């Protein structure tokens, strides 16, 4: 079941990323217009690693079962899902949404609020199996806010936020998935 879900994540987020790229292309834009580049201040990458470590530690502290799962047979699939989620979600939630709001004349606070709430709302699915929706949404809204601040502090470069997101997903998402599926 975990392998099927991880495969679904890879395929659905890959398709969504393709749709974003096609949509940008039709509008005469590229991913670079959203901040898709690796150059960012070294401090941005250092902050990304610190953010990932802190978030993973807090998540495992809040739900110790996340850290107990060992997925040796699914490591490659879990890492592929983490890469796809990190790339697509950061390009969409921070690159696309925040850039669209900036272009429309909205300030940074509005950009952060909108992208963070959208990020948290999409991740409410972590609460579906248990019926507890508030905690997953709150955790991921906070993470979306932290990633949005990192995006702004990195000169709107997506490199650091993608790195942070991939690290977080690679470390805790398999355990989160198994923990969420425990009721089944």
N, C-alpha and C. Protein backbone atom coordinates (compact mmCIF):
# COMPACT_ATOMS: atom_id res chain seq x y z
N UNK A 1 0.83 -1.19 0.00
CA UNK A 1 0.00 0.00 0.00
C UNK A 1 0.88 1.26 0.00
N UNK A 2 1.96 1.24 0.80
CA UNK A 2 2.85 2.40 0.86
C UNK A 2 3.50 2.62 -0.51
N UNK A 3 3.95 1.54 -1.15
CA UNK A 3 4.57 1.66 -2.47
C UNK A 3 3.59 2.25 -3.48
N UNK A 4 2.34 1.84 -3.41
CA UNK A 4 1.33 2.36 -4.33
C UNK A 4 1.09 3.85 -4.09
N UNK A 5 1.05 4.26 -2.84
CA UNK A 5 0.83 5.68 -2.53
C UNK A 5 2.02 6.51 -2.98
N UNK A 6 3.24 6.04 -2.70
CA UNK A 6 4.43 6.77 -3.12
C UNK A 6 4.50 6.88 -4.65
N UNK A 7 4.13 5.82 -5.33
CA UNK A 7 4.10 5.85 -6.79
C UNK A 7 3.05 6.85 -7.27
N UNK A 8 1.92 6.88 -6.62
CA UNK A 8 0.87 7.86 -6.95
C UNK A 8 1.34 9.29 -6.75
N UNK A 9 2.10 9.52 -5.68
CA UNK A 9 2.65 10.86 -5.43
C UNK A 9 3.58 11.25 -6.57
N UNK A 10 4.46 10.36 -6.96
CA UNK A 10 5.41 10.65 -8.03
C UNK A 10 4.68 10.98 -9.32
N UNK A 11 3.71 10.15 -9.68
CA UNK A 11 2.99 10.36 -10.94
C UNK A 11 2.12 11.62 -10.92
N UNK A 12 1.36 11.82 -9.84
CA UNK A 12 0.45 12.97 -9.80
C UNK A 12 1.22 14.28 -9.72
N UNK A 13 2.27 14.34 -8.92
CA UNK A 13 3.02 15.58 -8.83
C UNK A 13 3.86 15.81 -10.08
N UNK A 14 4.30 14.74 -10.72
CA UNK A 14 5.00 14.87 -12.01
C UNK A 14 4.08 15.45 -13.07
N UNK A 15 2.84 14.95 -13.10
CA UNK A 15 1.86 15.47 -14.05
C UNK A 15 1.55 16.94 -13.75
N UNK A 16 1.38 17.27 -12.48
CA UNK A 16 1.09 18.65 -12.10
C UNK A 16 2.24 19.58 -12.46
N UNK A 17 3.47 19.12 -12.26
CA UNK A 17 4.63 19.93 -12.64
C UNK A 17 4.65 20.16 -14.15
N UNK A 18 4.37 19.13 -14.91
CA UNK A 18 4.31 19.27 -16.36
C UNK A 18 3.25 20.30 -16.76
N UNK A 19 2.09 20.29 -16.09
CA UNK A 19 1.02 21.25 -16.39
C UNK A 19 1.46 22.68 -16.08
N UNK A 20 2.18 22.87 -14.98
CA UNK A 20 2.67 24.20 -14.64
C UNK A 20 3.65 24.67 -15.71
N UNK A 21 4.56 23.79 -16.13
CA UNK A 21 5.55 24.16 -17.15
C UNK A 21 4.85 24.52 -18.46
N UNK A 22 3.86 23.73 -18.86
CA UNK A 22 3.12 24.01 -20.10
C UNK A 22 2.38 25.34 -19.98
N UNK A 23 1.74 25.58 -18.84
CA UNK A 23 1.03 26.84 -18.62
C UNK A 23 1.96 28.04 -18.67
N UNK A 24 3.13 27.90 -18.05
CA UNK A 24 4.11 28.99 -18.10
C UNK A 24 4.55 29.24 -19.53
N UNK A 25 4.84 28.17 -20.25
CA UNK A 25 5.30 28.28 -21.63
C UNK A 25 4.27 29.00 -22.50
N UNK A 26 3.00 28.66 -22.31
CA UNK A 26 1.94 29.32 -23.08
C UNK A 26 1.88 30.81 -22.78
N UNK A 27 2.27 31.18 -21.56
CA UNK A 27 2.29 32.59 -21.19
C UNK A 27 3.62 33.27 -21.47
N UNK A 28 4.51 32.57 -22.18
CA UNK A 28 5.80 33.15 -22.52
C UNK A 28 6.78 33.20 -21.36
N UNK A 29 6.56 32.37 -20.36
CA UNK A 29 7.42 32.36 -19.17
C UNK A 29 8.08 30.99 -19.01
N UNK A 30 9.05 30.95 -18.11
CA UNK A 30 9.73 29.69 -17.79
C UNK A 30 9.77 29.54 -16.28
N UNK A 31 10.27 28.42 -15.82
CA UNK A 31 10.43 28.21 -14.39
C UNK A 31 11.39 29.22 -13.77
N UNK A 32 12.33 29.72 -14.56
CA UNK A 32 13.26 30.73 -14.06
C UNK A 32 12.52 32.00 -13.63
N UNK A 33 11.39 32.28 -14.25
CA UNK A 33 10.60 33.46 -13.87
C UNK A 33 9.98 33.31 -12.49
N UNK A 34 9.91 32.08 -11.99
CA UNK A 34 9.37 31.82 -10.66
C UNK A 34 10.47 31.70 -9.61
N UNK A 35 11.72 31.77 -10.06
CA UNK A 35 12.83 31.65 -9.13
C UNK A 35 13.53 30.31 -9.18
N UNK A 36 13.25 29.52 -10.22
CA UNK A 36 13.89 28.21 -10.33
C UNK A 36 15.32 28.38 -10.83
N UNK A 37 16.19 28.48 -9.86
CA UNK A 37 17.62 28.58 -10.12
C UNK A 37 18.33 28.10 -8.88
N UNK A 38 19.54 27.68 -9.05
CA UNK A 38 20.30 27.17 -7.93
C UNK A 38 21.09 28.26 -7.22
N UNK A 39 21.40 29.36 -7.94
CA UNK A 39 22.16 30.39 -7.27
C UNK A 39 21.29 31.06 -6.22
N UNK A 40 21.81 31.05 -5.04
CA UNK A 40 21.17 31.72 -3.91
C UNK A 40 22.29 31.95 -2.90
N UNK A 41 22.09 32.85 -2.00
CA UNK A 41 23.12 33.07 -0.99
C UNK A 41 23.42 31.78 -0.22
N UNK A 42 24.69 31.59 0.10
CA UNK A 42 25.08 30.41 0.87
C UNK A 42 24.26 30.32 2.15
N UNK A 43 23.97 31.48 2.74
CA UNK A 43 23.15 31.50 3.95
C UNK A 43 21.77 30.90 3.72
N UNK A 44 21.25 31.04 2.50
CA UNK A 44 19.95 30.44 2.18
C UNK A 44 20.01 28.93 2.24
N UNK A 45 21.07 28.36 1.72
CA UNK A 45 21.23 26.89 1.77
C UNK A 45 21.50 26.41 3.19
N UNK A 46 22.27 27.18 3.94
CA UNK A 46 22.52 26.81 5.34
C UNK A 46 21.22 26.88 6.14
N UNK A 47 20.43 27.92 5.88
CA UNK A 47 19.14 28.04 6.56
C UNK A 47 18.21 26.91 6.15
N UNK A 48 18.28 26.47 4.89
CA UNK A 48 17.45 25.36 4.42
C UNK A 48 17.77 24.08 5.19
N UNK A 49 19.03 23.80 5.37
CA UNK A 49 19.44 22.60 6.11
C UNK A 49 19.01 22.71 7.57
N UNK A 50 19.20 23.88 8.17
CA UNK A 50 18.78 24.09 9.56
C UNK A 50 17.27 23.95 9.71
N UNK A 51 16.51 24.52 8.78
CA UNK A 51 15.05 24.41 8.81
C UNK A 51 14.62 22.95 8.69
N UNK A 52 15.21 22.22 7.76
CA UNK A 52 14.85 20.81 7.58
C UNK A 52 15.16 20.02 8.84
N UNK A 53 16.32 20.23 9.43
CA UNK A 53 16.70 19.50 10.65
C UNK A 53 15.74 19.82 11.80
N UNK A 54 15.43 21.10 11.97
CA UNK A 54 14.54 21.52 13.06
C UNK A 54 13.13 20.98 12.86
N UNK A 55 12.62 21.05 11.64
CA UNK A 55 11.26 20.58 11.38
C UNK A 55 11.17 19.07 11.58
N UNK A 56 12.15 18.34 11.06
CA UNK A 56 12.15 16.87 11.22
C UNK A 56 12.23 16.50 12.70
N UNK A 57 13.11 17.17 13.45
CA UNK A 57 13.25 16.89 14.88
C UNK A 57 11.94 17.17 15.61
N UNK A 58 11.30 18.30 15.30
CA UNK A 58 10.03 18.64 15.95
C UNK A 58 8.93 17.65 15.59
N UNK A 59 8.88 17.24 14.32
CA UNK A 59 7.85 16.28 13.89
C UNK A 59 8.04 14.93 14.57
N UNK A 60 9.28 14.49 14.68
CA UNK A 60 9.54 13.20 15.34
C UNK A 60 9.30 13.31 16.83
N UNK A 61 9.60 14.47 17.42
CA UNK A 61 9.31 14.67 18.84
C UNK A 61 7.79 14.63 19.08
N UNK A 62 7.02 15.27 18.20
CA UNK A 62 5.57 15.32 18.34
C UNK A 62 4.92 13.96 18.07
N UNK A 63 5.51 13.17 17.19
CA UNK A 63 4.96 11.87 16.82
C UNK A 63 6.13 10.88 16.70
N UNK A 64 6.59 10.33 17.84
CA UNK A 64 7.78 9.47 17.83
C UNK A 64 7.69 8.27 16.88
N UNK A 65 6.48 7.85 16.55
CA UNK A 65 6.35 6.69 15.66
C UNK A 65 6.90 6.99 14.27
N UNK A 66 6.96 8.27 13.89
CA UNK A 66 7.50 8.64 12.59
C UNK A 66 8.95 8.19 12.46
N UNK A 67 9.71 8.34 13.54
CA UNK A 67 11.12 8.00 13.51
C UNK A 67 11.41 6.51 13.65
N UNK A 68 10.40 5.71 13.97
CA UNK A 68 10.62 4.28 14.19
C UNK A 68 10.51 3.45 12.93
N UNK A 69 9.97 4.00 11.88
CA UNK A 69 9.75 3.23 10.67
C UNK A 69 11.03 3.15 9.84
N UNK A 70 11.35 1.95 9.44
CA UNK A 70 12.52 1.74 8.58
C UNK A 70 12.02 1.13 7.28
N UNK A 71 12.24 1.84 6.20
CA UNK A 71 11.69 1.43 4.91
C UNK A 71 12.79 1.01 3.94
N UNK A 72 13.64 0.09 4.36
CA UNK A 72 14.79 -0.25 3.52
C UNK A 72 14.37 -0.70 2.13
N UNK A 73 13.24 -1.38 2.01
CA UNK A 73 12.82 -1.85 0.70
C UNK A 73 12.19 -0.73 -0.15
N UNK A 74 11.86 0.39 0.47
CA UNK A 74 11.20 1.47 -0.26
C UNK A 74 12.03 2.75 -0.32
N UNK A 75 13.30 2.68 0.05
CA UNK A 75 14.11 3.91 0.11
C UNK A 75 14.17 4.64 -1.22
N UNK A 76 14.39 3.92 -2.31
CA UNK A 76 14.49 4.58 -3.62
C UNK A 76 13.17 5.23 -4.00
N UNK A 77 12.07 4.52 -3.78
CA UNK A 77 10.76 5.07 -4.11
C UNK A 77 10.43 6.27 -3.23
N UNK A 78 10.75 6.17 -1.94
CA UNK A 78 10.49 7.28 -1.02
C UNK A 78 11.33 8.50 -1.40
N UNK A 79 12.58 8.28 -1.79
CA UNK A 79 13.42 9.41 -2.18
C UNK A 79 12.91 10.04 -3.48
N UNK A 80 12.47 9.21 -4.43
CA UNK A 80 11.92 9.74 -5.69
C UNK A 80 10.67 10.57 -5.40
N UNK A 81 9.83 10.10 -4.48
CA UNK A 81 8.62 10.86 -4.12
C UNK A 81 9.01 12.18 -3.44
N UNK A 82 10.04 12.14 -2.59
CA UNK A 82 10.49 13.35 -1.91
C UNK A 82 11.02 14.37 -2.93
N UNK A 83 11.78 13.90 -3.91
CA UNK A 83 12.28 14.80 -4.95
C UNK A 83 11.14 15.43 -5.74
N UNK A 84 10.20 14.63 -6.16
CA UNK A 84 9.10 15.15 -6.97
C UNK A 84 8.25 16.12 -6.16
N UNK A 85 7.93 15.77 -4.92
CA UNK A 85 7.13 16.65 -4.08
C UNK A 85 7.87 17.95 -3.80
N UNK A 86 9.15 17.85 -3.48
CA UNK A 86 9.93 19.05 -3.20
C UNK A 86 9.99 19.98 -4.39
N UNK A 87 10.22 19.43 -5.58
CA UNK A 87 10.30 20.27 -6.77
C UNK A 87 8.94 20.88 -7.10
N UNK A 88 7.92 20.04 -7.27
CA UNK A 88 6.63 20.57 -7.69
C UNK A 88 6.02 21.51 -6.66
N UNK A 89 5.97 21.08 -5.40
CA UNK A 89 5.28 21.89 -4.40
C UNK A 89 5.95 23.24 -4.18
N UNK A 90 7.27 23.29 -4.23
CA UNK A 90 7.94 24.57 -4.05
C UNK A 90 7.77 25.46 -5.28
N UNK A 91 7.84 24.86 -6.45
CA UNK A 91 7.61 25.65 -7.67
C UNK A 91 6.20 26.22 -7.66
N UNK A 92 5.23 25.42 -7.23
CA UNK A 92 3.85 25.89 -7.25
C UNK A 92 3.53 26.82 -6.08
N UNK A 93 3.71 26.33 -4.84
CA UNK A 93 3.25 27.10 -3.68
C UNK A 93 4.07 28.34 -3.40
N UNK A 94 5.36 28.26 -3.63
CA UNK A 94 6.17 29.45 -3.34
C UNK A 94 6.54 30.20 -4.61
N UNK A 95 6.99 29.51 -5.62
CA UNK A 95 7.34 30.21 -6.87
C UNK A 95 6.12 30.78 -7.57
N UNK A 96 5.15 29.94 -7.89
CA UNK A 96 4.01 30.38 -8.69
C UNK A 96 3.06 31.29 -7.92
N UNK A 97 2.57 30.83 -6.77
CA UNK A 97 1.58 31.62 -6.02
C UNK A 97 2.17 32.94 -5.57
N UNK A 98 3.36 32.90 -4.99
CA UNK A 98 3.93 34.15 -4.46
C UNK A 98 4.30 35.12 -5.59
N UNK A 99 4.78 34.60 -6.71
CA UNK A 99 5.10 35.47 -7.84
C UNK A 99 3.84 36.08 -8.44
N UNK A 100 2.79 35.27 -8.57
CA UNK A 100 1.52 35.79 -9.11
C UNK A 100 0.96 36.89 -8.21
N UNK A 101 1.04 36.69 -6.91
CA UNK A 101 0.53 37.71 -5.99
C UNK A 101 1.40 38.98 -6.02
N UNK A 102 2.71 38.79 -6.14
CA UNK A 102 3.60 39.96 -6.24
C UNK A 102 3.29 40.74 -7.52
N UNK A 103 3.13 40.01 -8.62
CA UNK A 103 2.81 40.65 -9.90
C UNK A 103 1.49 41.41 -9.82
N UNK A 104 0.55 40.89 -9.03
CA UNK A 104 -0.75 41.54 -8.86
C UNK A 104 -0.69 42.71 -7.87
N UNK A 105 0.50 42.96 -7.31
CA UNK A 105 0.67 44.11 -6.43
C UNK A 105 0.51 43.84 -4.95
N UNK A 106 0.44 42.58 -4.56
CA UNK A 106 0.27 42.26 -3.14
C UNK A 106 1.62 42.27 -2.42
N UNK A 107 1.57 42.64 -1.15
CA UNK A 107 2.80 42.71 -0.36
C UNK A 107 3.26 41.32 0.08
N UNK A 108 4.44 41.27 0.69
CA UNK A 108 5.05 40.01 1.09
C UNK A 108 4.21 39.27 2.13
N UNK A 109 3.59 40.00 3.04
CA UNK A 109 2.77 39.36 4.07
C UNK A 109 1.59 38.62 3.43
N UNK A 110 0.94 39.24 2.48
CA UNK A 110 -0.18 38.60 1.78
C UNK A 110 0.31 37.39 1.00
N UNK A 111 1.45 37.53 0.33
CA UNK A 111 2.03 36.41 -0.42
C UNK A 111 2.30 35.23 0.51
N UNK A 112 2.92 35.52 1.66
CA UNK A 112 3.24 34.46 2.62
C UNK A 112 1.97 33.81 3.18
N UNK A 113 0.99 34.62 3.53
CA UNK A 113 -0.25 34.09 4.10
C UNK A 113 -0.97 33.19 3.10
N UNK A 114 -1.11 33.66 1.88
CA UNK A 114 -1.84 32.87 0.87
C UNK A 114 -1.12 31.57 0.54
N UNK A 115 0.19 31.63 0.33
CA UNK A 115 0.91 30.41 -0.04
C UNK A 115 0.95 29.43 1.13
N UNK A 116 1.09 29.93 2.35
CA UNK A 116 1.15 29.06 3.53
C UNK A 116 -0.18 28.37 3.80
N UNK A 117 -1.26 29.11 3.69
CA UNK A 117 -2.59 28.53 3.92
C UNK A 117 -2.91 27.50 2.83
N UNK A 118 -2.57 27.82 1.60
CA UNK A 118 -2.80 26.84 0.51
C UNK A 118 -1.95 25.59 0.73
N UNK A 119 -0.71 25.77 1.13
CA UNK A 119 0.19 24.64 1.40
C UNK A 119 -0.39 23.77 2.51
N UNK A 120 -0.84 24.39 3.59
CA UNK A 120 -1.42 23.64 4.70
C UNK A 120 -2.71 22.94 4.31
N UNK A 121 -3.55 23.62 3.54
CA UNK A 121 -4.84 23.03 3.14
C UNK A 121 -4.65 21.78 2.28
N UNK A 122 -3.69 21.83 1.38
CA UNK A 122 -3.44 20.66 0.51
C UNK A 122 -2.94 19.48 1.33
N UNK A 123 -2.18 19.76 2.39
CA UNK A 123 -1.61 18.68 3.18
C UNK A 123 -2.56 18.16 4.26
N UNK A 124 -3.80 18.62 4.24
CA UNK A 124 -4.80 18.11 5.18
C UNK A 124 -5.04 16.61 4.97
N UNK A 125 -4.65 16.11 3.79
CA UNK A 125 -4.83 14.69 3.49
C UNK A 125 -4.11 13.79 4.49
N UNK A 126 -3.07 14.32 5.15
CA UNK A 126 -2.37 13.51 6.15
C UNK A 126 -3.32 13.14 7.30
N UNK A 127 -4.38 13.90 7.48
CA UNK A 127 -5.32 13.61 8.55
C UNK A 127 -6.49 12.75 8.14
N UNK A 128 -6.62 12.43 6.86
CA UNK A 128 -7.78 11.65 6.40
C UNK A 128 -7.91 10.29 7.08
N UNK A 129 -6.85 9.49 7.16
CA UNK A 129 -7.03 8.17 7.76
C UNK A 129 -7.45 8.23 9.23
N UNK A 130 -6.90 9.16 9.98
CA UNK A 130 -7.20 9.21 11.41
C UNK A 130 -8.40 10.09 11.73
N UNK A 131 -8.78 10.96 10.82
CA UNK A 131 -9.87 11.89 11.07
C UNK A 131 -9.43 13.13 11.82
N UNK A 132 -8.14 13.26 12.09
CA UNK A 132 -7.59 14.43 12.78
C UNK A 132 -6.97 15.34 11.72
N UNK A 133 -7.68 16.40 11.37
CA UNK A 133 -7.25 17.26 10.28
C UNK A 133 -6.48 18.50 10.75
N UNK A 134 -6.76 18.97 11.95
CA UNK A 134 -6.19 20.23 12.41
C UNK A 134 -4.67 20.16 12.55
N UNK A 135 -4.16 19.12 13.17
CA UNK A 135 -2.70 19.03 13.40
C UNK A 135 -1.93 18.98 12.08
N UNK A 136 -2.29 18.11 11.12
CA UNK A 136 -1.53 18.11 9.87
C UNK A 136 -1.59 19.46 9.14
N UNK A 137 -2.75 20.09 9.17
CA UNK A 137 -2.87 21.38 8.48
C UNK A 137 -2.05 22.44 9.20
N UNK A 138 -2.08 22.45 10.53
CA UNK A 138 -1.31 23.44 11.28
C UNK A 138 0.20 23.24 11.06
N UNK A 139 0.66 22.01 11.14
CA UNK A 139 2.09 21.73 10.94
C UNK A 139 2.54 22.15 9.55
N UNK A 140 1.76 21.82 8.54
CA UNK A 140 2.21 22.13 7.18
C UNK A 140 1.97 23.60 6.82
N UNK A 141 1.01 24.25 7.45
CA UNK A 141 0.86 25.69 7.25
C UNK A 141 2.08 26.40 7.82
N UNK A 142 2.50 25.98 9.01
CA UNK A 142 3.71 26.56 9.61
C UNK A 142 4.93 26.28 8.72
N UNK A 143 5.04 25.05 8.23
CA UNK A 143 6.16 24.73 7.34
C UNK A 143 6.10 25.59 6.07
N UNK A 144 4.91 25.74 5.51
CA UNK A 144 4.75 26.59 4.33
C UNK A 144 5.18 28.02 4.60
N UNK A 145 4.87 28.53 5.78
CA UNK A 145 5.29 29.87 6.15
C UNK A 145 6.82 29.95 6.25
N UNK A 146 7.42 28.98 6.92
CA UNK A 146 8.89 28.97 7.07
C UNK A 146 9.57 28.87 5.71
N UNK A 147 9.03 28.02 4.83
CA UNK A 147 9.61 27.89 3.49
C UNK A 147 9.40 29.17 2.68
N UNK A 148 8.27 29.82 2.86
CA UNK A 148 8.01 31.08 2.16
C UNK A 148 8.97 32.17 2.61
N UNK A 149 9.24 32.24 3.90
CA UNK A 149 10.20 33.22 4.41
C UNK A 149 11.59 32.89 3.85
N UNK A 150 11.94 31.62 3.82
CA UNK A 150 13.23 31.21 3.25
C UNK A 150 13.32 31.60 1.78
N UNK A 151 12.24 31.43 1.04
CA UNK A 151 12.18 31.82 -0.37
C UNK A 151 12.46 33.32 -0.53
N UNK A 152 11.80 34.13 0.29
CA UNK A 152 12.01 35.58 0.21
C UNK A 152 13.42 35.96 0.64
N UNK A 153 13.90 35.35 1.72
CA UNK A 153 15.24 35.68 2.24
C UNK A 153 16.35 35.20 1.31
N UNK A 154 16.02 34.28 0.42
CA UNK A 154 17.00 33.76 -0.54
C UNK A 154 16.87 34.48 -1.89
N UNK A 155 16.31 35.66 -1.87
CA UNK A 155 16.19 36.45 -3.09
C UNK A 155 15.22 35.84 -4.08
N UNK A 156 14.17 35.18 -3.57
CA UNK A 156 13.17 34.51 -4.40
C UNK A 156 13.78 33.41 -5.26
N UNK A 157 14.84 32.82 -4.74
CA UNK A 157 15.43 31.65 -5.40
C UNK A 157 14.83 30.39 -4.82
N UNK A 158 14.42 29.48 -5.67
CA UNK A 158 13.78 28.25 -5.20
C UNK A 158 14.77 27.17 -4.75
N UNK A 159 16.05 27.31 -5.07
CA UNK A 159 17.02 26.28 -4.71
C UNK A 159 17.00 25.91 -3.23
N UNK A 160 17.13 26.87 -2.31
CA UNK A 160 17.12 26.52 -0.88
C UNK A 160 15.80 25.91 -0.40
N UNK A 161 14.66 26.41 -0.89
CA UNK A 161 13.38 25.86 -0.40
C UNK A 161 13.15 24.46 -0.96
N UNK A 162 13.59 24.20 -2.17
CA UNK A 162 13.49 22.84 -2.71
C UNK A 162 14.36 21.91 -1.89
N UNK A 163 15.58 22.34 -1.59
CA UNK A 163 16.47 21.51 -0.77
C UNK A 163 15.83 21.18 0.58
N UNK A 164 15.32 22.19 1.27
CA UNK A 164 14.69 21.96 2.58
C UNK A 164 13.52 20.99 2.45
N UNK A 165 12.67 21.20 1.47
CA UNK A 165 11.48 20.36 1.29
C UNK A 165 11.87 18.92 0.98
N UNK A 166 12.84 18.72 0.10
CA UNK A 166 13.27 17.37 -0.25
C UNK A 166 13.85 16.67 0.98
N UNK A 167 14.68 17.37 1.74
CA UNK A 167 15.26 16.76 2.94
C UNK A 167 14.18 16.36 3.94
N UNK A 168 13.23 17.26 4.16
CA UNK A 168 12.14 16.95 5.11
C UNK A 168 11.35 15.74 4.64
N UNK A 169 10.94 15.74 3.38
CA UNK A 169 10.16 14.61 2.86
C UNK A 169 10.95 13.31 2.88
N UNK A 170 12.23 13.37 2.55
CA UNK A 170 13.04 12.15 2.52
C UNK A 170 13.20 11.56 3.92
N UNK A 171 13.27 12.42 4.93
CA UNK A 171 13.49 11.94 6.30
C UNK A 171 12.20 11.49 6.96
N UNK A 172 11.14 12.30 6.88
CA UNK A 172 9.95 11.97 7.68
C UNK A 172 8.73 11.50 6.92
N UNK A 173 8.66 11.73 5.61
CA UNK A 173 7.42 11.39 4.91
C UNK A 173 7.10 9.89 4.94
N UNK A 174 8.07 8.99 4.74
CA UNK A 174 7.70 7.57 4.82
C UNK A 174 7.11 7.21 6.18
N UNK A 175 7.70 7.73 7.25
CA UNK A 175 7.16 7.47 8.58
C UNK A 175 5.81 8.12 8.78
N UNK A 176 5.63 9.33 8.25
CA UNK A 176 4.32 9.99 8.32
C UNK A 176 3.26 9.16 7.61
N UNK A 177 3.63 8.66 6.45
CA UNK A 177 2.70 7.86 5.65
C UNK A 177 2.29 6.60 6.41
N UNK A 178 3.26 5.90 6.94
CA UNK A 178 2.94 4.68 7.68
C UNK A 178 2.15 4.99 8.95
N UNK A 179 2.51 6.08 9.61
CA UNK A 179 1.79 6.48 10.81
C UNK A 179 0.34 6.85 10.47
N UNK A 180 0.16 7.57 9.37
CA UNK A 180 -1.20 7.96 8.95
C UNK A 180 -2.04 6.75 8.55
N UNK A 181 -1.38 5.72 7.99
CA UNK A 181 -2.11 4.54 7.54
C UNK A 181 -2.37 3.53 8.65
N UNK A 182 -1.80 3.75 9.82
CA UNK A 182 -1.96 2.80 10.91
C UNK A 182 -3.41 2.42 11.21
N UNK A 183 -4.38 3.36 11.13
CA UNK A 183 -5.76 2.95 11.40
C UNK A 183 -6.26 1.84 10.45
N UNK A 184 -5.64 1.72 9.27
CA UNK A 184 -6.05 0.71 8.32
C UNK A 184 -5.27 -0.57 8.47
